Amino acid sequence: MHHRHRLEGLPELEELVRQHLGKKGPPWPIETLCLYLRERGKDNDSEELVRRIDLDGEDPSFPDGLPTDPDDLARALTRVLRTEIEGNLDPDAPMVWRVKLFGPRNSYRSSRTVLARLPDAESPAAPLVTTQAVNLMENIDDAAIAQRVAVNGDIHNHYNRLVKLLFSGVENFVQVANSHMEQLNSNAQVQYRHAEALTRTALQERQAEFSEKRAELTSKADATLKSQAMDKAISVGRDLVGAVLMEKGVDPAMAEMLALLQSNPRTGPLLRNPNLKQALADPNVMNILAEILEAAATPPPSPQPE
């Protein structure tokens, strides 16, 4: 600790804390004390948070818990803040500290300035600020900071509501999206099974149709082959008969005439009668037969126009 400094404002701080704690005991009207190191410049001021004490939770400075008496708690809190200030003093420069009190939901309540002065013999410069200036500064800063904290509190509350609304909307969207995806997946599975059944039925019908077509084509092919074979056999037989007749000196055209005469029910038996062969040996009979054949082979005359 740097005992060269003289701390001013601690009694006023303790009294301020006591006033805000009230007389009823916990739960306390104030929930948080924050210690800031202030640095004042010509153009701007800055604050650095050094210590935060939460009255509604556990704090390492109070391992056995906070005192329940308001006066004891005010003294204990001031003692902790004094120790924190003395542990962070600059041995060669004066310092300005600010303690702020916050209520529920981080609402600003009040603040107090603590000056850490160097002895006059070691610091020939003029005092940092007078007591009257400190009080004026506190009044001005309190109003400005109160306004800022109020605005920040409103912004913080709106931000929290917006974030909760946003996360709630996102959560609802995720739930709806998951439900929609599950429904799409279920519909896709049903459609897949239906398409699979239709495809399987179509394939079975096609297979049956192809089997029927193959049997029909096979039957037609067999009939065609049989017909072609029969025609080929008849043609070969005719060629063989013609060759045999030509070998015996008989014109193949006569074979067709004989076949035609044999097919007739009247001429067929006559050709097989042995007496016909003897009768044809007579030249007169042959002349008569030749005249008959000649008359049959001669086409009738075409009618003359009147």
C-alpha atoms as a PDB file:
ATOM      1  CA  MET A   1       0.000   0.000   0.000  1.00  0.00           C
ATOM      2  CA  HIS A   2       1.095   3.536  -0.711  1.00  0.00           C
ATOM      3  CA  HIS A   3       0.471   5.392   2.552  1.00  0.00           C
ATOM      4  CA  ARG A   4       1.977   8.601   1.147  1.00  0.00           C
ATOM      5  CA  HIS A   5      -1.477   9.431  -0.254  1.00  0.00           C
ATOM      6  CA  ARG A   6      -4.201  11.039   1.774  1.00  0.00           C
ATOM      7  CA  LEU A   7      -7.659   9.648   0.920  1.00  0.00           C
ATOM      8  CA  GLU A   8     -10.557  12.094   1.079  1.00  0.00           C
ATOM      9  CA  GLY A   9     -14.237  11.241   0.749  1.00  0.00           C
ATOM     10  CA  LEU A  10     -14.348   7.795   2.373  1.00  0.00           C
ATOM     11  CA  PRO A  11     -16.582   8.883   5.311  1.00  0.00           C
ATOM     12  CA  GLU A  12     -18.988  10.505   2.879  1.00  0.00           C
ATOM     13  CA  LEU A  13     -18.938   7.336   0.801  1.00  0.00           C
ATOM     14  CA  GLU A  14     -19.761   5.201   3.825  1.00  0.00           C
ATOM     15  CA  GLU A  15     -22.641   7.480   4.760  1.00  0.00           C
ATOM     16  CA  LEU A  16     -23.949   7.400   1.180  1.00  0.00           C
ATOM     17  CA  VAL A  17     -23.871   3.593   1.135  1.00  0.00           C
ATOM     18  CA  ARG A  18     -25.614   3.469   4.505  1.00  0.00           C
ATOM     19  CA  GLN A  19     -28.373   5.742   3.287  1.00  0.00           C
ATOM     20  CA  HIS A  20     -29.052   3.623   0.221  1.00  0.00           C
ATOM     21  CA  LEU A  21     -28.962   0.355   2.169  1.00  0.00           C
ATOM     22  CA  GLY A  22     -31.771   1.561   4.390  1.00  0.00           C
ATOM     23  CA  LYS A  23     -32.760   0.048   7.717  1.00  0.00           C
ATOM     24  CA  LYS A  24     -34.692  -3.069   6.748  1.00  0.00           C
ATOM     25  CA  GLY A  25     -31.862  -5.441   5.898  1.00  0.00           C
ATOM     26  CA  PRO A  26     -31.660  -7.851   2.966  1.00  0.00           C
ATOM     27  CA  PRO A  27     -32.737  -7.939   0.257  1.00  0.00           C
ATOM     28  CA  TRP A  28     -30.890  -4.671  -0.275  1.00  0.00           C
ATOM     29  CA  PRO A  29     -32.233  -1.806  -2.401  1.00  0.00           C
ATOM     30  CA  ILE A  30     -28.841  -1.598  -4.122  1.00  0.00           C
ATOM     31  CA  GLU A  31     -27.336  -4.655  -5.767  1.00  0.00           C
ATOM     32  CA  THR A  32     -23.958  -3.535  -7.139  1.00  0.00           C
ATOM     33  CA  LEU A  33     -21.074  -1.199  -6.170  1.00  0.00           C
ATOM     34  CA  CYS A  34     -18.529  -0.348  -8.883  1.00  0.00           C
ATOM     35  CA  LEU A  35     -15.162   1.334  -8.279  1.00  0.00           C
ATOM     36  CA  TYR A  36     -13.825   3.386 -11.238  1.00  0.00           C
ATOM     37  CA  LEU A  37     -10.498   5.151 -11.764  1.00  0.00           C
ATOM     38  CA  ARG A  38     -11.233   8.530 -13.323  1.00  0.00           C
ATOM     39  CA  GLU A  39      -8.867  10.386 -15.597  1.00  0.00           C
ATOM     40  CA  ARG A  40      -9.769  13.958 -16.475  1.00  0.00           C
ATOM     41  CA  GLY A  41      -8.309  15.659 -19.539  1.00  0.00           C
ATOM     42  CA  LYS A  42      -8.801  18.887 -21.374  1.00  0.00           C
ATOM     43  CA  ASP A  43     -10.837  17.309 -24.134  1.00  0.00           C
ATOM     44  CA  ASN A  44     -12.504  14.292 -22.521  1.00  0.00           C
ATOM     45  CA  ASP A  45     -12.855  12.255 -19.352  1.00  0.00           C
ATOM     46  CA  SER A  46     -12.462   8.500 -19.040  1.00  0.00           C
ATOM     47  CA  GLU A  47     -13.313   5.863 -16.462  1.00  0.00           C
ATOM     48  CA  GLU A  48     -11.760   2.447 -15.903  1.00  0.00           C
ATOM     49  CA  LEU A  49     -13.627  -0.189 -13.912  1.00  0.00           C
ATOM     50  CA  VAL A  50     -11.334  -1.518 -11.167  1.00  0.00           C
ATOM     51  CA  ARG A  51     -13.640  -3.488  -8.872  1.00  0.00           C
ATOM     52  CA  ARG A  52     -17.257  -4.667  -8.842  1.00  0.00           C
ATOM     53  CA  ILE A  53     -19.057  -5.910  -5.715  1.00  0.00           C
ATOM     54  CA  ASP A  54     -22.368  -7.741  -6.137  1.00  0.00           C
ATOM     55  CA  LEU A  55     -24.589  -7.748  -3.049  1.00  0.00           C
ATOM     56  CA  ASP A  56     -26.943 -10.378  -4.443  1.00  0.00           C
ATOM     57  CA  GLY A  57     -24.238 -12.993  -5.010  1.00  0.00           C
ATOM     58  CA  GLU A  58     -21.027 -14.421  -3.612  1.00  0.00           C
ATOM     59  CA  ASP A  59     -17.976 -12.146  -3.350  1.00  0.00           C
ATOM     60  CA  PRO A  60     -14.422 -13.259  -2.486  1.00  0.00           C
ATOM     61  CA  SER A  61     -14.098 -10.358  -0.031  1.00  0.00           C
ATOM     62  CA  PHE A  62     -16.897 -11.882   2.060  1.00  0.00           C
ATOM     63  CA  PRO A  63     -16.203 -15.614   2.260  1.00  0.00           C
ATOM     64  CA  ASP A  64     -18.634 -15.973   5.172  1.00  0.00           C
ATOM     65  CA  GLY A  65     -21.345 -13.930   3.472  1.00  0.00           C
ATOM     66  CA  LEU A  66     -22.363 -10.287   3.705  1.00  0.00           C
ATOM     67  CA  PRO A  67     -23.284  -8.743   7.070  1.00  0.00           C
ATOM     68  CA  THR A  68     -27.018  -8.495   7.602  1.00  0.00           C
ATOM     69  CA  ASP A  69     -26.884  -5.224   9.548  1.00  0.00           C
ATOM     70  CA  PRO A  70     -26.934  -2.136   7.273  1.00  0.00           C
ATOM     71  CA  ASP A  71     -24.341  -0.208   9.359  1.00  0.00           C
ATOM     72  CA  ASP A  72     -21.979  -3.183   9.466  1.00  0.00           C
ATOM     73  CA  LEU A  73     -22.415  -3.778   5.740  1.00  0.00           C
ATOM     74  CA  ALA A  74     -21.739  -0.089   4.932  1.00  0.00           C
ATOM     75  CA  ARG A  75     -18.504  -0.166   6.953  1.00  0.00           C
ATOM     76  CA  ALA A  76     -17.444  -3.488   5.423  1.00  0.00           C
ATOM     77  CA  LEU A  77     -18.051  -2.275   1.874  1.00  0.00           C
ATOM     78  CA  THR A  78     -16.159   0.971   2.492  1.00  0.00           C
ATOM     79  CA  ARG A  79     -13.265  -1.005   3.963  1.00  0.00           C
ATOM     80  CA  VAL A  80     -13.102  -3.277   0.892  1.00  0.00           C
ATOM     81  CA  LEU A  81     -13.149  -0.275  -1.456  1.00  0.00           C
ATOM     82  CA  ARG A  82     -10.460   1.506   0.589  1.00  0.00           C
ATOM     83  CA  THR A  83      -8.222  -1.573   0.375  1.00  0.00           C
ATOM     84  CA  GLU A  84      -8.795  -1.760  -3.388  1.00  0.00           C
ATOM     85  CA  ILE A  85      -7.921   1.936  -3.828  1.00  0.00           C
ATOM     86  CA  GLU A  86      -4.785   1.722  -1.687  1.00  0.00           C
ATOM     87  CA  GLY A  87      -3.617  -1.294  -3.660  1.00  0.00           C
ATOM     88  CA  ASN A  88      -3.830   0.568  -6.982  1.00  0.00           C
ATOM     89  CA  LEU A  89      -2.341   3.996  -6.117  1.00  0.00           C
ATOM     90  CA  ASP A  90       0.340   5.663  -8.191  1.00  0.00           C
ATOM     91  CA  PRO A  91       3.082   6.683  -5.711  1.00  0.00           C
ATOM     92  CA  ASP A  92       4.008   9.784  -7.704  1.00  0.00           C
ATOM     93  CA  ALA A  93       0.658  11.200  -8.817  1.00  0.00           C
ATOM     94  CA  PRO A  94      -2.695  12.133  -7.299  1.00  0.00           C
ATOM     95  CA  MET A  95      -5.695  10.077  -8.405  1.00  0.00           C
ATOM     96  CA  VAL A  96      -9.452  10.451  -8.583  1.00  0.00           C
ATOM     97  CA  TRP A  97     -11.730   7.479  -7.816  1.00  0.00           C
ATOM     98  CA  ARG A  98     -15.460   7.184  -8.291  1.00  0.00           C
ATOM     99  CA  VAL A  99     -17.814   4.725  -6.581  1.00  0.00           C
ATOM    100  CA  LYS A 100     -21.192   4.178  -8.254  1.00  0.00           C
ATOM    101  CA  LEU A 101     -24.231   2.475  -6.748  1.00  0.00           C
ATOM    102  CA  PHE A 102     -26.662   0.504  -8.931  1.00  0.00           C
ATOM    103  CA  GLY A 103     -30.037  -0.940  -8.065  1.00  0.00           C
ATOM    104  CA  PRO A 104     -32.036  -3.779  -9.631  1.00  0.00           C
ATOM    105  CA  ARG A 105     -31.625  -4.309 -13.399  1.00  0.00           C
ATOM    106  CA  ASN A 106     -28.448  -2.235 -13.358  1.00  0.00           C
ATOM    107  CA  SER A 107     -30.355   1.003 -12.631  1.00  0.00           C
ATOM    108  CA  TYR A 108     -28.116   3.877 -11.557  1.00  0.00           C
ATOM    109  CA  ARG A 109     -28.747   5.214  -8.016  1.00  0.00           C
ATOM    110  CA  SER A 110     -25.886   7.490  -6.919  1.00  0.00           C
ATOM    111  CA  SER A 111     -22.090   7.962  -6.797  1.00  0.00           C
ATOM    112  CA  ARG A 112     -19.302   9.476  -4.669  1.00  0.00           C
ATOM    113  CA  THR A 113     -15.792  10.711  -5.528  1.00  0.00           C
ATOM    114  CA  VAL A 114     -12.741   9.689  -3.476  1.00  0.00           C
ATOM    115  CA  LEU A 115      -9.558  11.777  -3.866  1.00  0.00           C
ATOM    116  CA  ALA A 116      -6.115  10.292  -3.345  1.00  0.00           C
ATOM    117  CA  ARG A 117      -3.869  13.317  -2.659  1.00  0.00           C
ATOM    118  CA  LEU A 118      -0.129  13.493  -2.197  1.00  0.00           C
ATOM    119  CA  PRO A 119       1.194  15.427   0.857  1.00  0.00           C
ATOM    120  CA  ASP A 120       1.661  19.138   0.093  1.00  0.00           C
ATOM    121  CA  ALA A 121       5.415  18.950   0.806  1.00  0.00           C
ATOM    122  CA  GLU A 122       5.856  16.316  -1.913  1.00  0.00           C
ATOM    123  CA  SER A 123       3.417  17.842  -4.361  1.00  0.00           C
ATOM    124  CA  PRO A 124       4.114  21.573  -4.783  1.00  0.00           C
ATOM    125  CA  ALA A 125       1.489  21.859  -7.474  1.00  0.00           C
ATOM    126  CA  ALA A 126      -1.912  23.260  -6.640  1.00  0.00           C
ATOM    127  CA  PRO A 127      -4.461  20.853  -5.246  1.00  0.00           C
ATOM    128  CA  LEU A 128      -6.144  18.695  -7.843  1.00  0.00           C
ATOM    129  CA  VAL A 129      -9.649  20.004  -7.022  1.00  0.00           C
ATOM    130  CA  THR A 130     -11.211  21.771  -4.086  1.00  0.00           C
ATOM    131  CA  THR A 131     -13.951  20.251  -1.972  1.00  0.00           C
ATOM    132  CA  GLN A 132     -16.456  22.741  -3.377  1.00  0.00           C
ATOM    133  CA  ALA A 133     -15.360  21.817  -6.913  1.00  0.00           C
ATOM    134  CA  VAL A 134     -15.673  18.126  -6.051  1.00  0.00           C
ATOM    135  CA  ASN A 135     -19.241  18.621  -4.814  1.00  0.00           C
ATOM    136  CA  LEU A 136     -20.099  20.662  -7.900  1.00  0.00           C
ATOM    137  CA  MET A 137     -18.475  18.054 -10.109  1.00  0.00           C
ATOM    138  CA  GLU A 138     -20.460  15.282  -8.417  1.00  0.00           C
ATOM    139  CA  ASN A 139     -23.726  17.140  -8.848  1.00  0.00           C
ATOM    140  CA  ILE A 140     -23.049  17.808 -12.514  1.00  0.00           C
ATOM    141  CA  ASP A 141     -21.679  14.318 -13.195  1.00  0.00           C
ATOM    142  CA  ASP A 142     -24.439  12.616 -11.273  1.00  0.00           C
ATOM    143  CA  ALA A 143     -27.140  14.222 -13.393  1.00  0.00           C
ATOM    144  CA  ALA A 144     -25.309  13.523 -16.642  1.00  0.00           C
ATOM    145  CA  ILE A 145     -24.363  10.018 -15.663  1.00  0.00           C
ATOM    146  CA  ALA A 146     -27.847   9.331 -14.324  1.00  0.00           C
ATOM    147  CA  GLN A 147     -29.253  10.365 -17.670  1.00  0.00           C
ATOM    148  CA  ARG A 148     -26.706   8.261 -19.502  1.00  0.00           C
ATOM    149  CA  VAL A 149     -27.313   5.254 -17.283  1.00  0.00           C
ATOM    150  CA  ALA A 150     -31.075   5.641 -17.660  1.00  0.00           C
ATOM    151  CA  VAL A 151     -30.722   5.792 -21.428  1.00  0.00           C
ATOM    152  CA  ASN A 152     -28.282   2.890 -21.363  1.00  0.00           C
ATOM    153  CA  GLY A 153     -30.676   0.988 -19.127  1.00  0.00           C
ATOM    154  CA  ASP A 154     -33.518   1.562 -21.588  1.00  0.00           C
ATOM    155  CA  ILE A 155     -31.272   0.569 -24.467  1.00  0.00           C
ATOM    156  CA  HIS A 156     -30.153  -2.509 -22.538  1.00  0.00           C
ATOM    157  CA  ASN A 157     -33.743  -3.493 -21.761  1.00  0.00           C
ATOM    158  CA  HIS A 158     -34.835  -2.957 -25.355  1.00  0.00           C
ATOM    159  CA  TYR A 159     -31.811  -4.901 -26.526  1.00  0.00           C
ATOM    160  CA  ASN A 160     -32.621  -7.767 -24.161  1.00  0.00           C
ATOM    161  CA  ARG A 161     -36.228  -7.841 -25.350  1.00  0.00           C
ATOM    162  CA  LEU A 162     -35.089  -7.689 -28.945  1.00  0.00           C
ATOM    163  CA  VAL A 163     -32.588 -10.506 -28.409  1.00  0.00           C
ATOM    164  CA  LYS A 164     -35.204 -12.625 -26.630  1.00  0.00           C
ATOM    165  CA  LEU A 165     -37.690 -11.935 -29.401  1.00  0.00           C
ATOM    166  CA  LEU A 166     -35.072 -12.709 -32.007  1.00  0.00           C
ATOM    167  CA  PHE A 167     -34.044 -15.965 -30.359  1.00  0.00           C
ATOM    168  CA  SER A 168     -37.683 -16.868 -29.831  1.00  0.00           C
ATOM    169  CA  GLY A 169     -38.347 -16.205 -33.512  1.00  0.00           C
ATOM    170  CA  VAL A 170     -35.298 -18.216 -34.532  1.00  0.00           C
ATOM    171  CA  GLU A 171     -36.333 -21.059 -32.244  1.00  0.00           C
ATOM    172  CA  ASN A 172     -39.854 -21.041 -33.679  1.00  0.00           C
ATOM    173  CA  PHE A 173     -38.444 -20.901 -37.185  1.00  0.00           C
ATOM    174  CA  VAL A 174     -36.154 -23.860 -36.461  1.00  0.00           C
ATOM    175  CA  GLN A 175     -39.060 -25.832 -35.025  1.00  0.00           C
ATOM    176  CA  VAL A 176     -41.262 -25.041 -38.007  1.00  0.00           C
ATOM    177  CA  ALA A 177     -38.398 -25.838 -40.397  1.00  0.00           C
ATOM    178  CA  ASN A 178     -37.708 -29.155 -38.637  1.00  0.00           C
ATOM    179  CA  SER A 179     -41.387 -30.056 -38.683  1.00  0.00           C
ATOM    180  CA  HIS A 180     -41.618 -29.101 -42.360  1.00  0.00           C
ATOM    181  CA  MET A 181     -38.522 -31.125 -43.207  1.00  0.00           C
ATOM    182  CA  GLU A 182     -39.889 -34.141 -41.323  1.00  0.00           C
ATOM    183  CA  GLN A 183     -43.166 -33.826 -43.232  1.00  0.00           C
ATOM    184  CA  LEU A 184     -41.296 -33.504 -46.537  1.00  0.00           C
ATOM    185  CA  ASN A 185     -39.197 -36.538 -45.653  1.00  0.00           C
ATOM    186  CA  SER A 186     -42.306 -38.553 -44.792  1.00  0.00           C
ATOM    187  CA  ASN A 187     -44.038 -37.471 -48.019  1.00  0.00           C
ATOM    188  CA  ALA A 188     -40.906 -38.269 -50.019  1.00  0.00           C
ATOM    189  CA  GLN A 189     -40.765 -41.769 -48.537  1.00  0.00           C
ATOM    190  CA  VAL A 190     -44.444 -42.377 -49.331  1.00  0.00           C
ATOM    191  CA  GLN A 191     -43.975 -41.089 -52.882  1.00  0.00           C
ATOM    192  CA  TYR A 192     -40.838 -43.209 -53.298  1.00  0.00           C
ATOM    193  CA  ARG A 193     -42.658 -46.361 -52.167  1.00  0.00           C
ATOM    194  CA  HIS A 194     -45.591 -45.540 -54.478  1.00  0.00           C
ATOM    195  CA  ALA A 195     -43.270 -44.896 -57.441  1.00  0.00           C
ATOM    196  CA  GLU A 196     -41.385 -48.102 -56.675  1.00  0.00           C
ATOM    197  CA  ALA A 197     -44.637 -50.096 -56.663  1.00  0.00           C
ATOM    198  CA  LEU A 198     -45.752 -48.498 -59.957  1.00  0.00           C
ATOM    199  CA  THR A 199     -42.379 -49.195 -61.537  1.00  0.00           C
ATOM    200  CA  ARG A 200     -42.412 -52.791 -60.358  1.00  0.00           C
ATOM    201  CA  THR A 201     -45.949 -53.293 -61.748  1.00  0.00           C
ATOM    202  CA  ALA A 202     -44.989 -51.690 -65.072  1.00  0.00           C
ATOM    203  CA  LEU A 203     -41.921 -53.908 -65.343  1.00  0.00           C
ATOM    204  CA  GLN A 204     -43.985 -57.010 -64.641  1.00  0.00           C
ATOM    205  CA  GLU A 205     -46.526 -55.978 -67.294  1.00  0.00           C
ATOM    206  CA  ARG A 206     -43.744 -55.282 -69.778  1.00  0.00           C
ATOM    207  CA  GLN A 207     -42.140 -58.614 -68.991  1.00  0.00           C
ATOM    208  CA  ALA A 208     -45.432 -60.451 -69.536  1.00  0.00           C
ATOM    209  CA  GLU A 209     -45.993 -58.504 -72.772  1.00  0.00           C
ATOM    210  CA  PHE A 210     -42.488 -59.321 -74.009  1.00  0.00           C
ATOM    211  CA  SER A 211     -42.977 -63.003 -73.157  1.00  0.00           C
ATOM    212  CA  GLU A 212     -46.272 -63.056 -75.087  1.00  0.00           C
ATOM    213  CA  LYS A 213     -44.679 -61.281 -78.060  1.00  0.00           C
ATOM    214  CA  ARG A 214     -41.742 -63.675 -78.011  1.00  0.00           C
ATOM    215  CA  ALA A 215     -44.058 -66.704 -77.976  1.00  0.00           C
ATOM    216  CA  GLU A 216     -46.117 -65.209 -80.819  1.00  0.00           C
ATOM    217  CA  LEU A 217     -43.006 -64.414 -82.870  1.00  0.00           C
ATOM    218  CA  THR A 218     -41.609 -67.862 -82.174  1.00  0.00           C
ATOM    219  CA  SER A 219     -44.877 -69.474 -83.339  1.00  0.00           C
ATOM    220  CA  LYS A 220     -44.972 -67.324 -86.473  1.00  0.00           C
ATOM    221  CA  ALA A 221     -41.331 -68.050 -87.164  1.00  0.00           C
ATOM    222  CA  ASP A 222     -41.945 -71.802 -86.836  1.00  0.00           C
ATOM    223  CA  ALA A 223     -44.972 -71.631 -89.179  1.00  0.00           C
ATOM    224  CA  THR A 224     -43.011 -69.541 -91.665  1.00  0.00           C
ATOM    225  CA  LEU A 225     -40.109 -71.960 -91.559  1.00  0.00           C
ATOM    226  CA  LYS A 226     -42.448 -74.922 -92.016  1.00  0.00           C
ATOM    227  CA  SER A 227     -44.182 -73.238 -94.968  1.00  0.00           C
ATOM    228  CA  GLN A 228     -40.847 -72.318 -96.522  1.00  0.00           C
ATOM    229  CA  ALA A 229     -39.607 -75.865 -95.972  1.00  0.00           C
ATOM    230  CA  MET A 230     -42.784 -77.291 -97.537  1.00  0.00           C
ATOM    231  CA  ASP A 231     -42.518 -74.946-100.529  1.00  0.00           C
ATOM    232  CA  LYS A 232     -38.862 -75.856-100.874  1.00  0.00           C
ATOM    233  CA  ALA A 233     -39.663 -79.553-100.715  1.00  0.00           C
ATOM    234  CA  ILE A 234     -42.422 -79.216-103.305  1.00  0.00           C
ATOM    235  CA  SER A 235     -40.117 -77.215-105.557  1.00  0.00           C
ATOM    236  CA  VAL A 236     -37.375 -79.794-105.143  1.00  0.00           C
ATOM    237  CA  GLY A 237     -39.873 -82.574-105.792  1.00  0.00           C
ATOM    238  CA  ARG A 238     -41.084 -80.880-108.932  1.00  0.00           C
ATOM    239  CA  ASP A 239     -37.530 -80.416-110.098  1.00  0.00           C
ATOM    240  CA  LEU A 240     -36.804 -84.098-109.436  1.00  0.00           C
ATOM    241  CA  VAL A 241     -39.960 -85.239-111.239  1.00  0.00           C
ATOM    242  CA  GLY A 242     -39.143 -82.974-114.145  1.00  0.00           C
ATOM    243  CA  ALA A 243     -35.620 -84.361-114.311  1.00  0.00           C
ATOM    244  CA  VAL A 244     -36.911 -87.937-114.262  1.00  0.00           C
ATOM    245  CA  LEU A 245     -39.448 -87.244-116.996  1.00  0.00           C
ATOM    246  CA  MET A 246     -36.882 -85.476-119.167  1.00  0.00           C
ATOM    247  CA  GLU A 247     -34.552 -88.417-118.660  1.00  0.00           C
ATOM    248  CA  LYS A 248     -37.297 -90.684-120.020  1.00  0.00           C
ATOM    249  CA  GLY A 249     -37.966 -88.362-122.928  1.00  0.00           C
ATOM    250  CA  VAL A 250     -41.180 -86.876-121.546  1.00  0.00           C
ATOM    251  CA  ASP A 251     -41.781 -83.153-121.639  1.00  0.00           C
ATOM    252  CA  PRO A 252     -42.342 -81.858-118.029  1.00  0.00           C
ATOM    253  CA  ALA A 253     -45.231 -79.746-119.340  1.00  0.00           C
ATOM    254  CA  MET A 254     -47.023 -83.028-120.191  1.00  0.00           C
ATOM    255  CA  ALA A 255     -46.798 -84.024-116.557  1.00  0.00           C
ATOM    256  CA  GLU A 256     -48.965 -81.065-115.605  1.00  0.00           C
ATOM    257  CA  MET A 257     -51.509 -82.023-118.278  1.00  0.00           C
ATOM    258  CA  LEU A 258     -51.572 -85.622-117.068  1.00  0.00           C
ATOM    259  CA  ALA A 259     -51.985 -84.466-113.481  1.00  0.00           C
ATOM    260  CA  LEU A 260     -54.904 -82.281-114.546  1.00  0.00           C
ATOM    261  CA  LEU A 261     -56.548 -85.173-116.453  1.00  0.00           C
ATOM    262  CA  GLN A 262     -56.002 -87.574-113.568  1.00  0.00           C
ATOM    263  CA  SER A 263     -57.647 -85.163-111.137  1.00  0.00           C
ATOM    264  CA  ASN A 264     -60.874 -85.169-113.122  1.00  0.00           C
ATOM    265  CA  PRO A 265     -63.336 -87.843-111.881  1.00  0.00           C
ATOM    266  CA  ARG A 266     -64.248 -88.888-115.453  1.00  0.00           C
ATOM    267  CA  THR A 267     -60.909 -88.731-117.239  1.00  0.00           C
ATOM    268  CA  GLY A 268     -58.838 -90.085-114.389  1.00  0.00           C
ATOM    269  CA  PRO A 269     -60.243 -93.664-114.539  1.00  0.00           C
ATOM    270  CA  LEU A 270     -60.077 -93.615-118.336  1.00  0.00           C
ATOM    271  CA  LEU A 271     -56.353 -92.810-118.336  1.00  0.00           C
ATOM    272  CA  ARG A 272     -55.756 -95.769-116.048  1.00  0.00           C
ATOM    273  CA  ASN A 273     -57.868 -98.124-118.309  1.00  0.00           C
ATOM    274  CA  PRO A 274     -55.516-100.421-120.321  1.00  0.00           C
ATOM    275  CA  ASN A 275     -57.972-100.407-123.276  1.00  0.00           C
ATOM    276  CA  LEU A 276     -57.254 -96.686-123.805  1.00  0.00           C
ATOM    277  CA  LYS A 277     -53.651 -97.447-124.642  1.00  0.00           C
ATOM    278  CA  GLN A 278     -54.726 -99.996-127.297  1.00  0.00           C
ATOM    279  CA  ALA A 279     -57.285 -97.576-128.735  1.00  0.00           C
ATOM    280  CA  LEU A 280     -54.709 -94.791-129.024  1.00  0.00           C
ATOM    281  CA  ALA A 281     -52.561 -97.128-131.101  1.00  0.00           C
ATOM    282  CA  ASP A 282     -55.177 -96.724-133.899  1.00  0.00           C
ATOM    283  CA  PRO A 283     -54.235 -93.722-136.124  1.00  0.00           C
ATOM    284  CA  ASN A 284     -57.867 -92.801-136.663  1.00  0.00           C
ATOM    285  CA  VAL A 285     -58.445 -92.511-132.912  1.00  0.00           C
ATOM    286  CA  MET A 286     -55.345 -90.361-132.559  1.00  0.00           C
ATOM    287  CA  ASN A 287     -56.532 -88.089-135.372  1.00  0.00           C
ATOM    288  CA  ILE A 288     -59.912 -87.666-133.657  1.00  0.00           C
ATOM    289  CA  LEU A 289     -58.165 -86.994-130.286  1.00  0.00           C
ATOM    290  CA  ALA A 290     -55.842 -84.484-131.952  1.00  0.00           C
ATOM    291  CA  GLU A 291     -58.789 -82.608-133.464  1.00  0.00           C
ATOM    292  CA  ILE A 292     -60.481 -82.503-130.042  1.00  0.00           C
ATOM    293  CA  LEU A 293     -57.294 -81.224-128.358  1.00  0.00           C
ATOM    294  CA  GLU A 294     -56.749 -78.702-131.127  1.00  0.00           C
ATOM    295  CA  ALA A 295     -60.312 -77.393-130.771  1.00  0.00           C
ATOM    296  CA  ALA A 296     -59.897 -77.182-126.970  1.00  0.00           C
ATOM    297  CA  ALA A 297     -56.559 -75.332-127.234  1.00  0.00           C
ATOM    298  CA  THR A 298     -57.869 -72.816-129.808  1.00  0.00           C
ATOM    299  CA  PRO A 299     -59.269 -69.693-128.059  1.00  0.00           C
ATOM    300  CA  PRO A 300     -62.798 -68.693-129.045  1.00  0.00           C
ATOM    301  CA  PRO A 301     -63.121 -65.806-131.503  1.00  0.00           C
ATOM    302  CA  SER A 302     -63.719 -62.375-129.923  1.00  0.00           C
ATOM    303  CA  PRO A 303     -67.215 -60.961-130.573  1.00  0.00           C
ATOM    304  CA  GLN A 304     -67.448 -58.405-133.430  1.00  0.00           C
ATOM    305  CA  PRO A 305     -68.935 -55.003-132.600  1.00  0.00           C
ATOM    306  CA  GLU A 306     -72.313 -54.393-134.217  1.00  0.00           C
END
